[in-house]
Amino acid sequence: MTMTVNGTQVPPPDDPRVSLLDLLRDRLHLTGTKVGCNQGACGACTVLIDGDRVLSCLTLAVQADGRSVTTIEGLGTAGDLHPLQAAFVERDGLQCGYCTPGQICAAAAMLDEVRAGAPSYVTADLGAERVALSRDEVRERMSGNLCRCGAHHGIVDAIMQVAGEREA
Protein backbone atom coordinates (compact mmCIF):
# COMPACT_ATOMS: atom_id res chain seq x y z
CA MET A 1 0.00 0.00 0.00
CA THR A 2 1.38 3.37 -1.02
CA MET A 3 0.20 6.78 -2.06
CA THR A 4 1.93 9.36 -4.17
CA VAL A 5 2.52 12.75 -2.55
CA ASN A 6 3.77 15.44 -4.93
CA GLY A 7 5.18 12.76 -7.22
CA THR A 8 6.91 10.72 -4.49
CA GLN A 9 5.73 7.29 -3.33
CA VAL A 10 4.87 7.36 0.38
CA PRO A 11 3.71 4.48 2.58
CA PRO A 12 0.53 5.14 4.54
CA PRO A 13 0.94 5.51 8.31
CA ASP A 14 0.85 2.46 10.53
CA ASP A 15 -2.00 3.97 12.52
CA PRO A 16 -5.16 4.13 10.36
CA ARG A 17 -6.50 7.00 12.52
CA VAL A 18 -3.88 9.50 11.31
CA SER A 19 -5.39 12.33 9.28
CA LEU A 20 -3.94 13.25 5.92
CA LEU A 21 -3.16 16.68 7.39
CA ASP A 22 -1.07 15.17 10.19
CA LEU A 23 0.71 12.83 7.78
CA LEU A 24 1.63 15.72 5.49
CA ARG A 25 2.75 18.15 8.18
CA ASP A 26 4.14 15.98 10.97
CA ARG A 27 5.55 12.98 9.16
CA LEU A 28 6.39 14.28 5.69
CA HIS A 29 7.26 17.82 6.87
CA LEU A 30 5.17 19.44 4.12
CA THR A 31 4.10 22.41 6.19
CA GLY A 32 2.50 24.40 3.39
CA THR A 33 -0.80 22.72 4.20
CA LYS A 34 -2.11 24.62 7.21
CA VAL A 35 -4.01 23.60 10.33
CA GLY A 36 -6.90 26.03 10.58
CA CYS A 37 -10.04 25.00 12.41
CA ASN A 38 -9.29 21.25 12.28
CA GLN A 39 -13.06 20.77 11.76
CA GLY A 40 -13.46 21.20 8.00
CA ALA A 41 -14.94 24.68 8.22
CA CYS A 42 -12.16 26.98 7.00
CA GLY A 43 -10.43 25.29 4.04
CA ALA A 44 -6.87 26.13 5.15
CA CYS A 45 -5.96 22.43 4.89
CA THR A 46 -7.25 21.94 1.33
CA VAL A 47 -5.14 19.62 -0.83
CA LEU A 48 -5.84 17.69 -4.01
CA ILE A 49 -6.41 13.95 -4.24
CA ASP A 50 -6.41 12.81 -7.85
CA GLY A 51 -7.12 16.43 -8.78
CA ASP A 52 -10.16 16.82 -6.52
CA ARG A 53 -10.07 19.19 -3.57
CA VAL A 54 -10.36 17.64 -0.13
CA LEU A 55 -10.08 18.89 3.42
CA SER A 56 -7.05 17.06 4.72
CA CYS A 57 -8.09 17.55 8.35
CA LEU A 58 -11.20 15.43 7.71
CA THR A 59 -9.52 12.87 5.47
CA LEU A 60 -7.76 9.85 6.88
CA ALA A 61 -4.36 9.30 5.32
CA VAL A 62 -5.31 5.69 4.50
CA GLN A 63 -8.10 7.05 2.29
CA ALA A 64 -5.38 8.28 -0.08
CA ASP A 65 -3.96 4.77 -0.50
CA GLY A 66 -3.22 4.15 -4.16
CA ARG A 67 -4.03 7.74 -5.06
CA SER A 68 -2.12 10.90 -5.89
CA VAL A 69 -2.00 13.73 -3.35
CA THR A 70 -0.88 17.20 -4.39
CA THR A 71 -0.11 19.90 -1.85
CA ILE A 72 0.89 23.51 -2.41
CA GLU A 73 4.51 22.32 -2.53
CA GLY A 74 3.60 20.08 -5.47
CA LEU A 75 1.88 22.77 -7.54
CA GLY A 76 4.94 24.90 -8.14
CA THR A 77 8.36 25.85 -6.87
CA ALA A 78 9.99 29.14 -5.95
CA GLY A 79 11.64 29.24 -9.38
CA ASP A 80 8.61 27.96 -11.30
CA LEU A 81 5.37 29.16 -9.74
CA HIS A 82 2.03 27.66 -10.69
CA PRO A 83 -0.01 30.31 -12.58
CA LEU A 84 -2.35 30.64 -9.59
CA GLN A 85 0.58 31.22 -7.22
CA ALA A 86 1.91 33.97 -9.47
CA ALA A 87 -1.54 35.54 -9.87
CA PHE A 88 -2.15 35.54 -6.10
CA VAL A 89 1.06 37.51 -5.66
CA GLU A 90 0.33 39.86 -8.58
CA ARG A 91 -3.29 40.50 -7.56
CA ASP A 92 -2.70 40.79 -3.80
CA GLY A 93 -4.66 37.62 -3.12
CA LEU A 94 -2.94 37.21 0.23
CA GLN A 95 -2.04 39.17 3.30
CA CYS A 96 -0.84 36.96 6.14
CA GLY A 97 -0.65 34.00 3.74
CA TYR A 98 -2.02 31.45 6.17
CA CYS A 99 -5.05 30.47 4.07
CA THR A 100 -3.24 30.93 0.76
CA PRO A 101 -2.05 27.33 0.19
CA GLY A 102 -5.57 26.00 0.71
CA GLN A 103 -7.04 28.79 -1.41
CA ILE A 104 -4.67 28.02 -4.29
CA CYS A 105 -5.23 24.26 -4.15
CA ALA A 106 -9.00 24.80 -4.04
CA ALA A 107 -8.82 27.27 -6.94
CA ALA A 108 -6.81 24.83 -9.07
CA ALA A 109 -9.46 22.14 -8.60
CA MET A 110 -12.28 24.64 -9.01
CA LEU A 111 -10.97 25.77 -12.40
CA ASP A 112 -10.86 22.12 -13.49
CA GLU A 113 -14.47 21.69 -12.30
CA VAL A 114 -15.53 24.71 -14.35
CA ARG A 115 -13.70 23.40 -17.42
CA ALA A 116 -15.50 20.07 -16.99
CA GLY A 117 -18.84 21.93 -16.98
CA ALA A 118 -19.80 21.20 -13.37
CA PRO A 119 -22.45 23.72 -12.29
CA SER A 120 -22.58 25.47 -8.93
CA TYR A 121 -25.47 26.82 -6.89
CA VAL A 122 -25.29 30.15 -8.77
CA THR A 123 -24.76 28.80 -12.31
CA ALA A 124 -27.35 30.66 -14.38
CA ASP A 125 -27.72 28.24 -17.31
CA LEU A 126 -27.57 24.61 -16.24
CA GLY A 127 -28.01 23.47 -19.85
CA ALA A 128 -25.05 25.42 -21.21
CA GLU A 129 -22.11 23.45 -22.57
CA ARG A 130 -19.72 25.80 -20.82
CA VAL A 131 -20.04 27.44 -17.41
CA ALA A 132 -19.59 31.20 -17.62
CA LEU A 133 -17.13 32.02 -14.88
CA SER A 134 -18.29 35.23 -13.22
CA ARG A 135 -17.06 36.80 -10.01
CA ASP A 136 -20.20 35.50 -8.28
CA GLU A 137 -19.49 32.01 -9.63
CA VAL A 138 -15.94 32.14 -8.24
CA ARG A 139 -17.16 33.42 -4.86
CA GLU A 140 -19.70 30.60 -4.59
CA ARG A 141 -17.24 27.91 -5.62
CA MET A 142 -14.57 29.20 -3.20
CA SER A 143 -16.96 29.76 -0.29
CA GLY A 144 -15.50 26.84 1.66
CA ASN A 145 -12.15 28.62 1.91
CA LEU A 146 -12.08 31.50 4.37
CA CYS A 147 -9.63 34.38 4.50
CA ARG A 148 -9.67 36.14 7.83
CA CYS A 149 -7.51 39.00 6.51
CA GLY A 150 -10.13 40.04 3.97
CA ALA A 151 -8.12 39.42 0.80
CA HIS A 152 -11.17 37.95 -0.96
CA HIS A 153 -11.22 40.58 -3.72
CA GLY A 154 -7.60 39.83 -4.61
CA ILE A 155 -8.27 36.10 -4.47
CA VAL A 156 -11.18 36.43 -6.89
CA ASP A 157 -9.10 38.74 -9.12
CA ALA A 158 -6.28 36.17 -9.22
CA ILE A 159 -8.60 33.30 -10.10
CA MET A 160 -10.35 35.35 -12.79
CA GLN A 161 -6.94 36.30 -14.25
CA VAL A 162 -5.85 32.66 -14.52
CA ALA A 163 -9.23 31.59 -15.89
CA GLY A 164 -8.95 34.27 -18.56
CA GLU A 165 -5.40 33.23 -19.47
CA ARG A 166 -6.49 29.61 -19.87
CA GLU A 167 -9.28 30.60 -22.24
CA ALA A 168 -7.06 32.86 -24.36
C-alpha atoms as a PDB file:
ATOM      1  CA  MET A   1       0.000   0.000   0.000  1.00  0.00           C
ATOM      2  CA  THR A   2       1.384   3.371  -1.019  1.00  0.00           C
ATOM      3  CA  MET A   3       0.203   6.777  -2.058  1.00  0.00           C
ATOM      4  CA  THR A   4       1.932   9.361  -4.173  1.00  0.00           C
ATOM      5  CA  VAL A   5       2.515  12.750  -2.555  1.00  0.00           C
ATOM      6  CA  ASN A   6       3.770  15.442  -4.930  1.00  0.00           C
ATOM      7  CA  GLY A   7       5.182  12.757  -7.215  1.00  0.00           C
ATOM      8  CA  THR A   8       6.909  10.719  -4.490  1.00  0.00           C
ATOM      9  CA  GLN A   9       5.732   7.288  -3.328  1.00  0.00           C
ATOM     10  CA  VAL A  10       4.875   7.356   0.380  1.00  0.00           C
ATOM     11  CA  PRO A  11       3.706   4.483   2.579  1.00  0.00           C
ATOM     12  CA  PRO A  12       0.527   5.142   4.540  1.00  0.00           C
ATOM     13  CA  PRO A  13       0.943   5.514   8.306  1.00  0.00           C
ATOM     14  CA  ASP A  14       0.853   2.465  10.535  1.00  0.00           C
ATOM     15  CA  ASP A  15      -1.999   3.970  12.521  1.00  0.00           C
ATOM     16  CA  PRO A  16      -5.163   4.130  10.359  1.00  0.00           C
ATOM     17  CA  ARG A  17      -6.499   7.002  12.522  1.00  0.00           C
ATOM     18  CA  VAL A  18      -3.884   9.503  11.305  1.00  0.00           C
ATOM     19  CA  SER A  19      -5.387  12.333   9.281  1.00  0.00           C
ATOM     20  CA  LEU A  20      -3.937  13.247   5.923  1.00  0.00           C
ATOM     21  CA  LEU A  21      -3.162  16.680   7.389  1.00  0.00           C
ATOM     22  CA  ASP A  22      -1.074  15.175  10.188  1.00  0.00           C
ATOM     23  CA  LEU A  23       0.713  12.831   7.784  1.00  0.00           C
ATOM     24  CA  LEU A  24       1.634  15.720   5.490  1.00  0.00           C
ATOM     25  CA  ARG A  25       2.749  18.149   8.184  1.00  0.00           C
ATOM     26  CA  ASP A  26       4.136  15.978  10.970  1.00  0.00           C
ATOM     27  CA  ARG A  27       5.549  12.980   9.156  1.00  0.00           C
ATOM     28  CA  LEU A  28       6.389  14.280   5.685  1.00  0.00           C
ATOM     29  CA  HIS A  29       7.262  17.824   6.868  1.00  0.00           C
ATOM     30  CA  LEU A  30       5.170  19.439   4.118  1.00  0.00           C
ATOM     31  CA  THR A  31       4.096  22.413   6.191  1.00  0.00           C
ATOM     32  CA  GLY A  32       2.499  24.404   3.393  1.00  0.00           C
ATOM     33  CA  THR A  33      -0.796  22.715   4.204  1.00  0.00           C
ATOM     34  CA  LYS A  34      -2.108  24.616   7.208  1.00  0.00           C
ATOM     35  CA  VAL A  35      -4.010  23.604  10.328  1.00  0.00           C
ATOM     36  CA  GLY A  36      -6.895  26.031  10.584  1.00  0.00           C
ATOM     37  CA  CYS A  37     -10.038  25.003  12.409  1.00  0.00           C
ATOM     38  CA  ASN A  38      -9.289  21.251  12.276  1.00  0.00           C
ATOM     39  CA  GLN A  39     -13.056  20.766  11.761  1.00  0.00           C
ATOM     40  CA  GLY A  40     -13.457  21.202   8.004  1.00  0.00           C
ATOM     41  CA  ALA A  41     -14.937  24.677   8.220  1.00  0.00           C
ATOM     42  CA  CYS A  42     -12.159  26.983   7.000  1.00  0.00           C
ATOM     43  CA  GLY A  43     -10.433  25.288   4.036  1.00  0.00           C
ATOM     44  CA  ALA A  44      -6.873  26.129   5.149  1.00  0.00           C
ATOM     45  CA  CYS A  45      -5.955  22.434   4.889  1.00  0.00           C
ATOM     46  CA  THR A  46      -7.249  21.936   1.330  1.00  0.00           C
ATOM     47  CA  VAL A  47      -5.139  19.623  -0.831  1.00  0.00           C
ATOM     48  CA  LEU A  48      -5.839  17.692  -4.007  1.00  0.00           C
ATOM     49  CA  ILE A  49      -6.409  13.955  -4.243  1.00  0.00           C
ATOM     50  CA  ASP A  50      -6.411  12.811  -7.852  1.00  0.00           C
ATOM     51  CA  GLY A  51      -7.121  16.434  -8.781  1.00  0.00           C
ATOM     52  CA  ASP A  52     -10.164  16.818  -6.519  1.00  0.00           C
ATOM     53  CA  ARG A  53     -10.075  19.190  -3.565  1.00  0.00           C
ATOM     54  CA  VAL A  54     -10.356  17.640  -0.128  1.00  0.00           C
ATOM     55  CA  LEU A  55     -10.078  18.888   3.420  1.00  0.00           C
ATOM     56  CA  SER A  56      -7.048  17.056   4.723  1.00  0.00           C
ATOM     57  CA  CYS A  57      -8.092  17.550   8.354  1.00  0.00           C
ATOM     58  CA  LEU A  58     -11.204  15.433   7.711  1.00  0.00           C
ATOM     59  CA  THR A  59      -9.517  12.870   5.475  1.00  0.00           C
ATOM     60  CA  LEU A  60      -7.764   9.853   6.884  1.00  0.00           C
ATOM     61  CA  ALA A  61      -4.363   9.295   5.323  1.00  0.00           C
ATOM     62  CA  VAL A  62      -5.313   5.687   4.500  1.00  0.00           C
ATOM     63  CA  GLN A  63      -8.103   7.048   2.286  1.00  0.00           C
ATOM     64  CA  ALA A  64      -5.385   8.276  -0.076  1.00  0.00           C
ATOM     65  CA  ASP A  65      -3.956   4.769  -0.497  1.00  0.00           C
ATOM     66  CA  GLY A  66      -3.223   4.145  -4.165  1.00  0.00           C
ATOM     67  CA  ARG A  67      -4.032   7.738  -5.059  1.00  0.00           C
ATOM     68  CA  SER A  68      -2.116  10.905  -5.893  1.00  0.00           C
ATOM     69  CA  VAL A  69      -1.998  13.733  -3.346  1.00  0.00           C
ATOM     70  CA  THR A  70      -0.884  17.204  -4.389  1.00  0.00           C
ATOM     71  CA  THR A  71      -0.108  19.898  -1.846  1.00  0.00           C
ATOM     72  CA  ILE A  72       0.887  23.509  -2.408  1.00  0.00           C
ATOM     73  CA  GLU A  73       4.513  22.318  -2.534  1.00  0.00           C
ATOM     74  CA  GLY A  74       3.599  20.080  -5.473  1.00  0.00           C
ATOM     75  CA  LEU A  75       1.884  22.767  -7.539  1.00  0.00           C
ATOM     76  CA  GLY A  76       4.937  24.903  -8.136  1.00  0.00           C
ATOM     77  CA  THR A  77       8.358  25.849  -6.871  1.00  0.00           C
ATOM     78  CA  ALA A  78       9.993  29.140  -5.951  1.00  0.00           C
ATOM     79  CA  GLY A  79      11.639  29.237  -9.375  1.00  0.00           C
ATOM     80  CA  ASP A  80       8.611  27.963 -11.302  1.00  0.00           C
ATOM     81  CA  LEU A  81       5.371  29.165  -9.737  1.00  0.00           C
ATOM     82  CA  HIS A  82       2.026  27.659 -10.689  1.00  0.00           C
ATOM     83  CA  PRO A  83      -0.010  30.307 -12.577  1.00  0.00           C
ATOM     84  CA  LEU A  84      -2.346  30.643  -9.586  1.00  0.00           C
ATOM     85  CA  GLN A  85       0.576  31.217  -7.224  1.00  0.00           C
ATOM     86  CA  ALA A  86       1.908  33.970  -9.474  1.00  0.00           C
ATOM     87  CA  ALA A  87      -1.542  35.536  -9.869  1.00  0.00           C
ATOM     88  CA  PHE A  88      -2.153  35.540  -6.105  1.00  0.00           C
ATOM     89  CA  VAL A  89       1.063  37.515  -5.663  1.00  0.00           C
ATOM     90  CA  GLU A  90       0.335  39.856  -8.577  1.00  0.00           C
ATOM     91  CA  ARG A  91      -3.294  40.502  -7.563  1.00  0.00           C
ATOM     92  CA  ASP A  92      -2.697  40.794  -3.797  1.00  0.00           C
ATOM     93  CA  GLY A  93      -4.658  37.619  -3.120  1.00  0.00           C
ATOM     94  CA  LEU A  94      -2.942  37.205   0.232  1.00  0.00           C
ATOM     95  CA  GLN A  95      -2.041  39.169   3.304  1.00  0.00           C
ATOM     96  CA  CYS A  96      -0.839  36.958   6.136  1.00  0.00           C
ATOM     97  CA  GLY A  97      -0.645  34.002   3.738  1.00  0.00           C
ATOM     98  CA  TYR A  98      -2.019  31.447   6.174  1.00  0.00           C
ATOM     99  CA  CYS A  99      -5.050  30.469   4.071  1.00  0.00           C
ATOM    100  CA  THR A 100      -3.241  30.926   0.763  1.00  0.00           C
ATOM    101  CA  PRO A 101      -2.052  27.328   0.192  1.00  0.00           C
ATOM    102  CA  GLY A 102      -5.575  25.999   0.714  1.00  0.00           C
ATOM    103  CA  GLN A 103      -7.035  28.788  -1.412  1.00  0.00           C
ATOM    104  CA  ILE A 104      -4.668  28.018  -4.288  1.00  0.00           C
ATOM    105  CA  CYS A 105      -5.230  24.256  -4.147  1.00  0.00           C
ATOM    106  CA  ALA A 106      -8.998  24.803  -4.037  1.00  0.00           C
ATOM    107  CA  ALA A 107      -8.822  27.273  -6.935  1.00  0.00           C
ATOM    108  CA  ALA A 108      -6.815  24.831  -9.074  1.00  0.00           C
ATOM    109  CA  ALA A 109      -9.458  22.138  -8.595  1.00  0.00           C
ATOM    110  CA  MET A 110     -12.276  24.644  -9.012  1.00  0.00           C
ATOM    111  CA  LEU A 111     -10.975  25.770 -12.402  1.00  0.00           C
ATOM    112  CA  ASP A 112     -10.865  22.118 -13.494  1.00  0.00           C
ATOM    113  CA  GLU A 113     -14.467  21.686 -12.296  1.00  0.00           C
ATOM    114  CA  VAL A 114     -15.532  24.710 -14.352  1.00  0.00           C
ATOM    115  CA  ARG A 115     -13.697  23.399 -17.422  1.00  0.00           C
ATOM    116  CA  ALA A 116     -15.501  20.067 -16.987  1.00  0.00           C
ATOM    117  CA  GLY A 117     -18.837  21.925 -16.981  1.00  0.00           C
ATOM    118  CA  ALA A 118     -19.805  21.198 -13.366  1.00  0.00           C
ATOM    119  CA  PRO A 119     -22.449  23.724 -12.288  1.00  0.00           C
ATOM    120  CA  SER A 120     -22.579  25.472  -8.927  1.00  0.00           C
ATOM    121  CA  TYR A 121     -25.469  26.824  -6.891  1.00  0.00           C
ATOM    122  CA  VAL A 122     -25.294  30.147  -8.769  1.00  0.00           C
ATOM    123  CA  THR A 123     -24.756  28.804 -12.306  1.00  0.00           C
ATOM    124  CA  ALA A 124     -27.349  30.656 -14.379  1.00  0.00           C
ATOM    125  CA  ASP A 125     -27.716  28.245 -17.306  1.00  0.00           C
ATOM    126  CA  LEU A 126     -27.573  24.611 -16.241  1.00  0.00           C
ATOM    127  CA  GLY A 127     -28.014  23.474 -19.849  1.00  0.00           C
ATOM    128  CA  ALA A 128     -25.053  25.422 -21.210  1.00  0.00           C
ATOM    129  CA  GLU A 129     -22.111  23.448 -22.568  1.00  0.00           C
ATOM    130  CA  ARG A 130     -19.717  25.801 -20.822  1.00  0.00           C
ATOM    131  CA  VAL A 131     -20.037  27.439 -17.413  1.00  0.00           C
ATOM    132  CA  ALA A 132     -19.593  31.196 -17.623  1.00  0.00           C
ATOM    133  CA  LEU A 133     -17.125  32.024 -14.882  1.00  0.00           C
ATOM    134  CA  SER A 134     -18.290  35.229 -13.224  1.00  0.00           C
ATOM    135  CA  ARG A 135     -17.058  36.796 -10.008  1.00  0.00           C
ATOM    136  CA  ASP A 136     -20.202  35.496  -8.283  1.00  0.00           C
ATOM    137  CA  GLU A 137     -19.493  32.012  -9.629  1.00  0.00           C
ATOM    138  CA  VAL A 138     -15.944  32.144  -8.235  1.00  0.00           C
ATOM    139  CA  ARG A 139     -17.158  33.422  -4.863  1.00  0.00           C
ATOM    140  CA  GLU A 140     -19.696  30.604  -4.594  1.00  0.00           C
ATOM    141  CA  ARG A 141     -17.235  27.911  -5.615  1.00  0.00           C
ATOM    142  CA  MET A 142     -14.572  29.200  -3.200  1.00  0.00           C
ATOM    143  CA  SER A 143     -16.965  29.762  -0.293  1.00  0.00           C
ATOM    144  CA  GLY A 144     -15.500  26.841   1.660  1.00  0.00           C
ATOM    145  CA  ASN A 145     -12.154  28.624   1.915  1.00  0.00           C
ATOM    146  CA  LEU A 146     -12.078  31.497   4.367  1.00  0.00           C
ATOM    147  CA  CYS A 147      -9.633  34.384   4.502  1.00  0.00           C
ATOM    148  CA  ARG A 148      -9.673  36.138   7.826  1.00  0.00           C
ATOM    149  CA  CYS A 149      -7.514  38.996   6.509  1.00  0.00           C
ATOM    150  CA  GLY A 150     -10.128  40.039   3.975  1.00  0.00           C
ATOM    151  CA  ALA A 151      -8.118  39.417   0.796  1.00  0.00           C
ATOM    152  CA  HIS A 152     -11.165  37.947  -0.960  1.00  0.00           C
ATOM    153  CA  HIS A 153     -11.218  40.582  -3.720  1.00  0.00           C
ATOM    154  CA  GLY A 154      -7.602  39.835  -4.613  1.00  0.00           C
ATOM    155  CA  ILE A 155      -8.274  36.099  -4.470  1.00  0.00           C
ATOM    156  CA  VAL A 156     -11.180  36.434  -6.893  1.00  0.00           C
ATOM    157  CA  ASP A 157      -9.098  38.742  -9.124  1.00  0.00           C
ATOM    158  CA  ALA A 158      -6.277  36.170  -9.225  1.00  0.00           C
ATOM    159  CA  ILE A 159      -8.604  33.304 -10.099  1.00  0.00           C
ATOM    160  CA  MET A 160     -10.348  35.355 -12.794  1.00  0.00           C
ATOM    161  CA  GLN A 161      -6.937  36.303 -14.251  1.00  0.00           C
ATOM    162  CA  VAL A 162      -5.848  32.658 -14.520  1.00  0.00           C
ATOM    163  CA  ALA A 163      -9.230  31.588 -15.888  1.00  0.00           C
ATOM    164  CA  GLY A 164      -8.950  34.270 -18.562  1.00  0.00           C
ATOM    165  CA  GLU A 165      -5.399  33.228 -19.471  1.00  0.00           C
ATOM    166  CA  ARG A 166      -6.491  29.613 -19.866  1.00  0.00           C
ATOM    167  CA  GLU A 167      -9.285  30.597 -22.243  1.00  0.00           C
ATOM    168  CA  ALA A 168      -7.062  32.855 -24.356  1.00  0.00           C
END
